[in-house]
Amino acid sequence: MSSEADLPWFILRTKSRQENIVEGCLKEKLITAYLPRRKTVRVRRDRRILLDLPLFPGYIFVQPKPNQFHDLSYVPGSCGLLILGNQPAKMPARDLESVRIVVLSGERVDVNSELIPGKKVEVLSGPFAGVKGELVKIKNQEKLLINAPVLGKSVNVEINSANIHVL
C-alpha cells in the first residue's frame, strides 16, 4: 500500500471567494488540502487591516486518497478538479513544496499570471515608449528586464512594470 506522501496532488477550483469554505469542508471530509495564503494590508476608511488572502484565488491543492475522489464532487463552493486534456491536472510535489517555502518565508508575495518570462510586451511610456520586446526577467515587483530588438541587435532594457502592456 502506498503512503500519503506518494499520493499525487491535484488542483481543485473554487467559486469566487469560497476558498475558506471549501477548505473547511475538505477538512471535515478528512481530505488533505493546502490553501496557500499571503498577508495583505488593505486600507478601509481610516484604518489599515491585515488580511490573510489566498495566494492563488479560486484554487486549492488537494491530495485525496483513491476512495475520496467521489467526495470531491460534493464540496460546497467547489467547481471540480482542474482538467488537463481529459484527466485531472496533477501538481508535482516539488512545485507544491516550492509554494510552501515561499509562503513560509514571510516575504511579500504577489502573483501576476500575465508577467511570465517569454511573454511579448510593449513599453507604453518613458523613453522606450512604443518598443516591443520579450520579457526576460522579473527583477522585483517594479522592475522588469526586457529584450528588445533595436537596429537588428538585441538590447536588454530595464523597465518599470507600470510602463508595459502584455501583448
Protein backbone atom coordinates (compact mmCIF):
# COMPACT_ATOMS: atom_id res chain seq x y z
CA MET A 1 0.00 0.00 0.00
CA SER A 2 1.38 3.46 -0.88
CA SER A 3 1.90 6.13 1.77
CA GLU A 4 0.18 9.52 1.71
CA ALA A 5 3.43 11.12 0.58
CA ASP A 6 3.22 9.04 -2.62
CA LEU A 7 -0.29 10.23 -3.49
CA PRO A 8 -0.47 12.90 -6.21
CA TRP A 9 -1.67 16.44 -5.57
CA PHE A 10 -4.47 17.89 -7.67
CA ILE A 11 -5.87 21.39 -8.14
CA LEU A 12 -9.45 21.98 -7.05
CA ARG A 13 -11.20 25.03 -8.49
CA THR A 14 -13.48 27.07 -6.25
CA LYS A 15 -16.16 29.67 -6.73
CA SER A 16 -15.08 33.25 -6.17
CA ARG A 17 -14.18 33.93 -2.51
CA GLN A 18 -15.20 30.44 -1.42
CA GLU A 19 -11.70 29.08 -0.74
CA ASN A 20 -12.03 29.06 3.07
CA ILE A 21 -15.43 27.36 2.95
CA VAL A 22 -14.10 24.68 0.59
CA GLU A 23 -11.01 24.17 2.74
CA GLY A 24 -13.16 23.68 5.85
CA CYS A 25 -15.42 21.20 4.09
CA LEU A 26 -12.42 19.23 2.81
CA LYS A 27 -11.02 19.02 6.35
CA GLU A 28 -14.40 17.74 7.60
CA LYS A 29 -14.23 15.01 4.94
CA LEU A 30 -10.62 14.24 6.03
CA ILE A 31 -9.29 15.09 2.56
CA THR A 32 -5.76 16.52 2.68
CA ALA A 33 -5.89 20.11 1.41
CA TYR A 34 -3.49 23.03 1.21
CA LEU A 35 -4.63 26.61 0.70
CA PRO A 36 -1.55 28.85 0.48
CA ARG A 37 -2.22 32.30 1.91
CA ARG A 38 -0.43 35.63 1.89
CA LYS A 39 -0.73 38.52 4.29
CA THR A 40 -2.01 41.68 2.65
CA VAL A 41 -2.61 45.14 4.11
CA ARG A 42 -5.82 46.82 2.96
CA VAL A 43 -6.92 50.36 3.75
CA ARG A 44 -10.51 50.62 4.96
CA ARG A 45 -11.78 54.13 5.60
CA ASP A 46 -9.46 55.47 8.28
CA ARG A 47 -7.56 52.32 9.24
CA ARG A 48 -5.37 49.58 7.83
CA ILE A 49 -6.27 45.96 8.28
CA LEU A 50 -4.14 42.86 7.77
CA LEU A 51 -5.87 40.17 5.73
CA ASP A 52 -4.89 36.56 5.09
CA LEU A 53 -5.84 36.09 1.41
CA PRO A 54 -5.40 33.07 -0.87
CA LEU A 55 -2.17 33.23 -2.87
CA PHE A 56 -3.98 31.68 -5.85
CA PRO A 57 -7.60 32.89 -5.69
CA GLY A 58 -10.02 30.24 -6.90
CA TYR A 59 -7.73 27.26 -6.32
CA ILE A 60 -6.93 24.81 -3.52
CA PHE A 61 -4.43 21.97 -3.71
CA VAL A 62 -5.86 18.59 -2.67
CA GLN A 63 -4.37 15.16 -2.09
CA PRO A 64 -7.32 12.76 -1.97
CA LYS A 65 -6.96 9.06 -1.27
CA PRO A 66 -8.31 6.89 -4.11
CA ASN A 67 -11.58 6.28 -2.23
CA GLN A 68 -12.12 10.06 -1.65
CA PHE A 69 -12.43 11.24 -5.26
CA HIS A 70 -16.19 10.74 -5.14
CA ASP A 71 -16.36 13.05 -2.08
CA LEU A 72 -14.77 15.88 -4.11
CA SER A 73 -17.99 16.09 -6.15
CA TYR A 74 -19.94 17.16 -3.06
CA VAL A 75 -17.96 20.08 -1.69
CA PRO A 76 -19.98 23.30 -1.34
CA GLY A 77 -18.26 26.17 -3.14
CA SER A 78 -16.09 23.98 -5.35
CA CYS A 79 -16.21 23.76 -9.13
CA GLY A 80 -14.38 20.46 -9.55
CA LEU A 81 -10.82 19.49 -10.32
CA LEU A 82 -8.79 21.39 -12.88
CA ILE A 83 -8.75 19.22 -16.01
CA LEU A 84 -5.82 18.98 -18.41
CA GLY A 85 -6.64 17.07 -21.57
CA ASN A 86 -9.23 14.59 -20.36
CA GLN A 87 -7.96 13.91 -16.84
CA PRO A 88 -7.38 15.86 -13.61
CA ALA A 89 -4.23 18.00 -13.70
CA LYS A 90 -1.60 16.79 -11.24
CA MET A 91 0.53 19.22 -9.26
CA PRO A 92 4.14 17.99 -8.92
CA ALA A 93 5.05 17.63 -5.23
CA ARG A 94 8.29 19.60 -5.78
CA ASP A 95 6.30 22.56 -7.17
CA LEU A 96 3.93 22.47 -4.22
CA GLU A 97 6.91 22.33 -1.85
CA SER A 98 8.27 25.46 -3.59
CA VAL A 99 4.95 27.21 -2.93
CA ARG A 100 5.14 26.19 0.75
CA ILE A 101 8.69 27.56 1.06
CA VAL A 102 7.67 30.88 -0.50
CA VAL A 103 4.64 31.19 1.79
CA LEU A 104 6.59 30.23 4.93
CA SER A 105 9.33 32.75 4.11
CA GLY A 106 7.09 35.54 5.34
CA GLU A 107 8.19 37.75 2.45
CA ARG A 108 5.69 39.83 0.49
CA VAL A 109 4.40 37.71 -2.36
CA ASP A 110 2.35 38.86 -5.34
CA VAL A 111 1.10 36.66 -8.13
CA ASN A 112 0.74 38.06 -11.63
CA SER A 113 -0.26 35.48 -14.21
CA GLU A 114 0.48 37.85 -17.11
CA LEU A 115 4.09 38.69 -16.23
CA ILE A 116 5.84 35.50 -17.24
CA PRO A 117 9.28 35.42 -18.86
CA GLY A 118 8.90 34.82 -22.57
CA LYS A 119 5.73 36.93 -22.93
CA LYS A 120 5.68 39.62 -25.59
CA VAL A 121 5.33 43.13 -24.16
CA GLU A 122 5.14 46.72 -25.36
CA VAL A 123 6.51 49.72 -23.49
CA LEU A 124 3.73 52.29 -23.01
CA SER A 125 5.59 55.30 -21.65
CA GLY A 126 9.02 56.69 -20.92
CA PRO A 127 11.99 56.94 -23.27
CA PHE A 128 11.29 53.47 -24.73
CA ALA A 129 7.58 54.07 -25.45
CA GLY A 130 6.43 52.00 -28.43
CA VAL A 131 9.25 49.47 -28.21
CA LYS A 132 8.08 45.87 -28.36
CA GLY A 133 10.10 43.07 -26.90
CA GLU A 134 10.14 39.94 -24.82
CA LEU A 135 10.05 39.82 -21.04
CA VAL A 136 13.30 38.21 -19.96
CA LYS A 137 13.31 38.55 -16.19
CA ILE A 138 11.32 39.99 -13.32
CA LYS A 139 13.90 41.70 -11.11
CA ASN A 140 11.38 42.70 -8.43
CA GLN A 141 7.75 43.73 -8.36
CA GLU A 142 8.51 47.06 -10.05
CA LYS A 143 11.41 46.36 -12.42
CA LEU A 144 11.37 44.09 -15.47
CA LEU A 145 14.16 43.19 -17.87
CA ILE A 146 13.01 43.27 -21.50
CA ASN A 147 14.90 42.05 -24.53
CA ALA A 148 14.05 44.43 -27.38
CA PRO A 149 15.36 44.23 -30.94
CA VAL A 150 16.84 47.60 -31.93
CA LEU A 151 18.70 48.12 -35.22
CA GLY A 152 18.93 44.40 -35.77
CA LYS A 153 20.60 43.89 -32.40
CA SER A 154 19.23 42.54 -29.14
CA VAL A 155 19.16 45.14 -26.36
CA ASN A 156 18.24 44.39 -22.75
CA VAL A 157 16.32 47.25 -21.14
CA GLU A 158 15.21 47.61 -17.52
CA ILE A 159 11.63 48.95 -17.39
CA ASN A 160 9.18 49.81 -14.62
CA SER A 161 6.35 47.24 -14.66
CA ALA A 162 3.74 50.04 -14.67
CA ASN A 163 5.04 51.17 -18.06
CA ILE A 164 4.41 47.98 -20.02
CA HIS A 165 1.49 46.21 -21.61
CA VAL A 166 1.44 42.44 -22.14
CA LEU A 167 0.59 41.64 -25.75
